[in-house]
Amino acid sequence: MSFRPCSRVACPDESAATLTFDYADAMAVLGPLAVQREPHTFDLCARHARLTAAPQGWQLVRLRTVDGPDTESGFTI
């Protein structure tokens, strides 16, 4: 897999997670990095994934990674 930078402006770090939105259910899902970049998702580095919050009134679902909950990324539930 080639280097995919974080989607946050001016962040040069490599992506570690993918954030998707389900507008019908007012839900944001943060999970492991998708195999390939998709147009309506956001690839985030570990720091930005850890700091991500859902918009007011939305639910944020954090999916576990293959590495488990004690990884350095800190974005697992």
N, C-alpha and C. Protein backbone atom coordinates (compact mmCIF):
# COMPACT_ATOMS: atom_id res chain seq x y z
N MET A 1 0.84 -1.17 0.00
CA MET A 1 0.00 0.00 0.00
C MET A 1 0.89 1.23 0.00
N SER A 2 0.55 2.23 -0.80
CA SER A 2 1.36 3.44 -0.87
C SER A 2 0.98 4.40 0.26
N PHE A 3 1.84 5.37 0.49
CA PHE A 3 1.63 6.36 1.54
C PHE A 3 0.36 7.16 1.27
N ARG A 4 -0.51 7.23 2.27
CA ARG A 4 -1.72 8.05 2.18
C ARG A 4 -1.69 9.05 3.33
N PRO A 5 -1.57 10.34 3.00
CA PRO A 5 -1.48 11.34 4.07
C PRO A 5 -2.84 11.54 4.75
N CYS A 6 -2.79 12.07 5.93
CA CYS A 6 -3.99 12.42 6.70
C CYS A 6 -4.80 13.43 5.90
N SER A 7 -6.12 13.35 5.99
CA SER A 7 -7.02 14.26 5.27
C SER A 7 -7.10 15.65 5.90
N ARG A 8 -6.62 15.80 7.13
CA ARG A 8 -6.67 17.11 7.79
C ARG A 8 -5.66 18.04 7.12
N VAL A 9 -6.08 19.28 6.93
CA VAL A 9 -5.27 20.28 6.24
C VAL A 9 -3.93 20.46 6.94
N ALA A 10 -2.87 20.44 6.18
CA ALA A 10 -1.49 20.67 6.62
C ALA A 10 -0.94 19.58 7.54
N CYS A 11 -1.58 18.43 7.61
CA CYS A 11 -1.05 17.33 8.41
C CYS A 11 -0.28 16.39 7.48
N PRO A 12 1.02 16.25 7.69
CA PRO A 12 1.84 15.41 6.81
C PRO A 12 1.90 13.94 7.23
N ASP A 13 1.24 13.59 8.35
CA ASP A 13 1.35 12.24 8.89
C ASP A 13 0.58 11.22 8.04
N GLU A 14 1.02 9.97 8.15
CA GLU A 14 0.39 8.88 7.41
C GLU A 14 -0.95 8.50 8.04
N SER A 15 -1.91 8.16 7.21
CA SER A 15 -3.24 7.78 7.67
C SER A 15 -3.20 6.46 8.43
N ALA A 16 -4.04 6.37 9.47
CA ALA A 16 -4.14 5.15 10.28
C ALA A 16 -5.58 4.69 10.42
N ALA A 17 -6.55 5.54 10.06
CA ALA A 17 -7.96 5.22 10.24
C ALA A 17 -8.78 5.89 9.15
N THR A 18 -9.99 5.39 8.94
CA THR A 18 -10.90 5.98 7.97
C THR A 18 -12.19 6.39 8.68
N LEU A 19 -12.63 7.62 8.42
CA LEU A 19 -13.85 8.16 9.00
C LEU A 19 -14.90 8.25 7.90
N THR A 20 -16.08 7.69 8.19
CA THR A 20 -17.20 7.77 7.25
C THR A 20 -18.41 8.32 7.99
N PHE A 21 -19.34 8.88 7.23
CA PHE A 21 -20.55 9.45 7.81
C PHE A 21 -21.79 8.77 7.22
N ASP A 22 -22.76 8.47 8.09
CA ASP A 22 -24.07 7.97 7.68
C ASP A 22 -25.06 9.07 8.04
N TYR A 23 -25.37 9.90 7.05
CA TYR A 23 -26.20 11.07 7.30
C TYR A 23 -27.62 10.70 7.71
N ALA A 24 -28.18 9.64 7.17
CA ALA A 24 -29.54 9.23 7.50
C ALA A 24 -29.69 8.86 8.97
N ASP A 25 -28.65 8.27 9.56
CA ASP A 25 -28.69 7.85 10.96
C ASP A 25 -27.94 8.80 11.89
N ALA A 26 -27.43 9.90 11.37
CA ALA A 26 -26.64 10.86 12.15
C ALA A 26 -25.54 10.13 12.92
N MET A 27 -24.76 9.36 12.17
CA MET A 27 -23.71 8.53 12.77
C MET A 27 -22.40 8.70 12.00
N ALA A 28 -21.32 8.83 12.76
CA ALA A 28 -19.97 8.85 12.19
C ALA A 28 -19.29 7.56 12.62
N VAL A 29 -18.59 6.91 11.70
CA VAL A 29 -17.92 5.65 12.00
C VAL A 29 -16.43 5.81 11.74
N LEU A 30 -15.63 5.55 12.77
CA LEU A 30 -14.18 5.63 12.68
C LEU A 30 -13.63 4.23 12.84
N GLY A 31 -12.98 3.74 11.80
CA GLY A 31 -12.48 2.38 11.83
C GLY A 31 -11.10 2.27 11.24
N PRO A 32 -10.63 1.05 11.08
CA PRO A 32 -9.30 0.82 10.48
C PRO A 32 -9.21 1.47 9.10
N LEU A 33 -8.01 1.75 8.68
CA LEU A 33 -7.78 2.37 7.38
C LEU A 33 -8.35 1.50 6.27
N ALA A 34 -9.16 2.09 5.42
CA ALA A 34 -9.76 1.37 4.30
C ALA A 34 -8.67 0.93 3.33
N VAL A 35 -8.93 -0.13 2.61
CA VAL A 35 -7.95 -0.68 1.67
C VAL A 35 -7.59 0.35 0.60
N GLN A 36 -8.58 1.09 0.14
CA GLN A 36 -8.29 2.13 -0.84
C GLN A 36 -9.07 3.39 -0.48
N ARG A 37 -8.58 4.51 -0.94
CA ARG A 37 -9.22 5.80 -0.67
C ARG A 37 -10.55 5.88 -1.42
N GLU A 38 -11.59 6.32 -0.72
CA GLU A 38 -12.91 6.50 -1.31
C GLU A 38 -13.24 7.99 -1.30
N PRO A 39 -14.06 8.45 -2.26
CA PRO A 39 -14.30 9.88 -2.39
C PRO A 39 -15.03 10.53 -1.21
N HIS A 40 -15.88 9.82 -0.49
CA HIS A 40 -16.67 10.45 0.57
C HIS A 40 -16.26 9.99 1.96
N THR A 41 -14.98 9.62 2.11
CA THR A 41 -14.45 9.23 3.41
C THR A 41 -13.24 10.11 3.71
N PHE A 42 -12.81 10.07 4.97
CA PHE A 42 -11.66 10.85 5.39
C PHE A 42 -10.65 9.92 6.03
N ASP A 43 -9.44 9.90 5.51
CA ASP A 43 -8.36 9.11 6.09
C ASP A 43 -7.65 10.00 7.11
N LEU A 44 -7.51 9.51 8.33
CA LEU A 44 -6.93 10.30 9.41
C LEU A 44 -5.71 9.62 10.00
N CYS A 45 -4.74 10.43 10.42
CA CYS A 45 -3.59 9.89 11.14
C CYS A 45 -4.06 9.47 12.54
N ALA A 46 -3.20 8.78 13.27
CA ALA A 46 -3.57 8.29 14.60
C ALA A 46 -3.95 9.43 15.54
N ARG A 47 -3.23 10.53 15.48
CA ARG A 47 -3.51 11.66 16.38
C ARG A 47 -4.87 12.28 16.08
N HIS A 48 -5.16 12.54 14.81
CA HIS A 48 -6.45 13.13 14.46
C HIS A 48 -7.60 12.15 14.68
N ALA A 49 -7.36 10.87 14.49
CA ALA A 49 -8.40 9.87 14.77
C ALA A 49 -8.74 9.87 16.25
N ARG A 50 -7.73 9.96 17.08
CA ARG A 50 -7.93 9.97 18.53
C ARG A 50 -8.70 11.22 18.97
N LEU A 51 -8.46 12.35 18.33
CA LEU A 51 -9.08 13.61 18.71
C LEU A 51 -10.44 13.86 18.05
N THR A 52 -10.85 13.00 17.14
CA THR A 52 -12.09 13.21 16.40
C THR A 52 -13.32 13.08 17.30
N ALA A 53 -14.25 13.98 17.11
CA ALA A 53 -15.53 13.94 17.81
C ALA A 53 -16.64 14.08 16.78
N ALA A 54 -17.80 13.54 17.09
CA ALA A 54 -18.94 13.62 16.19
C ALA A 54 -19.59 15.00 16.31
N PRO A 55 -20.26 15.43 15.25
CA PRO A 55 -21.00 16.70 15.34
C PRO A 55 -22.07 16.60 16.43
N GLN A 56 -22.48 17.73 16.95
CA GLN A 56 -23.49 17.75 18.01
C GLN A 56 -24.76 17.03 17.54
N GLY A 57 -25.27 16.13 18.36
CA GLY A 57 -26.46 15.37 18.03
C GLY A 57 -26.19 14.08 17.26
N TRP A 58 -24.93 13.83 16.93
CA TRP A 58 -24.54 12.64 16.19
C TRP A 58 -23.89 11.63 17.13
N GLN A 59 -23.88 10.39 16.71
CA GLN A 59 -23.21 9.32 17.45
C GLN A 59 -21.91 8.99 16.73
N LEU A 60 -20.83 8.80 17.49
CA LEU A 60 -19.55 8.39 16.92
C LEU A 60 -19.29 6.94 17.33
N VAL A 61 -19.13 6.07 16.34
CA VAL A 61 -18.82 4.66 16.58
C VAL A 61 -17.36 4.45 16.24
N ARG A 62 -16.59 3.94 17.20
CA ARG A 62 -15.17 3.65 17.00
C ARG A 62 -14.99 2.14 16.92
N LEU A 63 -14.56 1.66 15.78
CA LEU A 63 -14.36 0.23 15.58
C LEU A 63 -12.95 -0.16 15.98
N ARG A 64 -12.80 -1.35 16.52
CA ARG A 64 -11.48 -1.85 16.91
C ARG A 64 -10.62 -2.13 15.68
N THR A 65 -9.32 -2.02 15.86
CA THR A 65 -8.39 -2.36 14.79
C THR A 65 -7.90 -3.79 15.00
N VAL A 66 -7.19 -4.30 14.04
CA VAL A 66 -6.61 -5.64 14.14
C VAL A 66 -5.62 -5.70 15.29
N ASP A 67 -4.94 -4.59 15.57
CA ASP A 67 -3.93 -4.55 16.62
C ASP A 67 -4.53 -4.62 18.03
N GLY A 68 -5.79 -4.35 18.19
CA GLY A 68 -6.44 -4.41 19.50
C GLY A 68 -6.49 -3.06 20.18
N PRO A 69 -7.09 -3.03 21.38
CA PRO A 69 -7.34 -1.75 22.05
C PRO A 69 -6.13 -1.09 22.69
N ASP A 70 -5.02 -1.77 22.81
CA ASP A 70 -3.86 -1.17 23.47
C ASP A 70 -2.83 -0.63 22.49
N THR A 71 -3.26 -0.26 21.30
CA THR A 71 -2.33 0.27 20.32
C THR A 71 -2.04 1.73 20.60
N GLU A 72 -0.99 2.22 20.00
CA GLU A 72 -0.57 3.60 20.19
C GLU A 72 -1.56 4.58 19.56
N SER A 73 -2.34 4.15 18.58
CA SER A 73 -3.24 5.07 17.87
C SER A 73 -4.29 5.64 18.81
N GLY A 74 -4.78 4.86 19.76
CA GLY A 74 -5.71 5.36 20.75
C GLY A 74 -7.12 5.60 20.25
N PHE A 75 -7.49 5.13 19.09
CA PHE A 75 -8.83 5.40 18.59
C PHE A 75 -9.75 4.20 18.66
N THR A 76 -9.39 3.16 19.36
CA THR A 76 -10.24 1.99 19.46
C THR A 76 -11.15 2.07 20.68
N ILE A 77 -12.23 1.29 20.65
CA ILE A 77 -13.13 1.28 21.80
C ILE A 77 -12.78 0.13 22.71
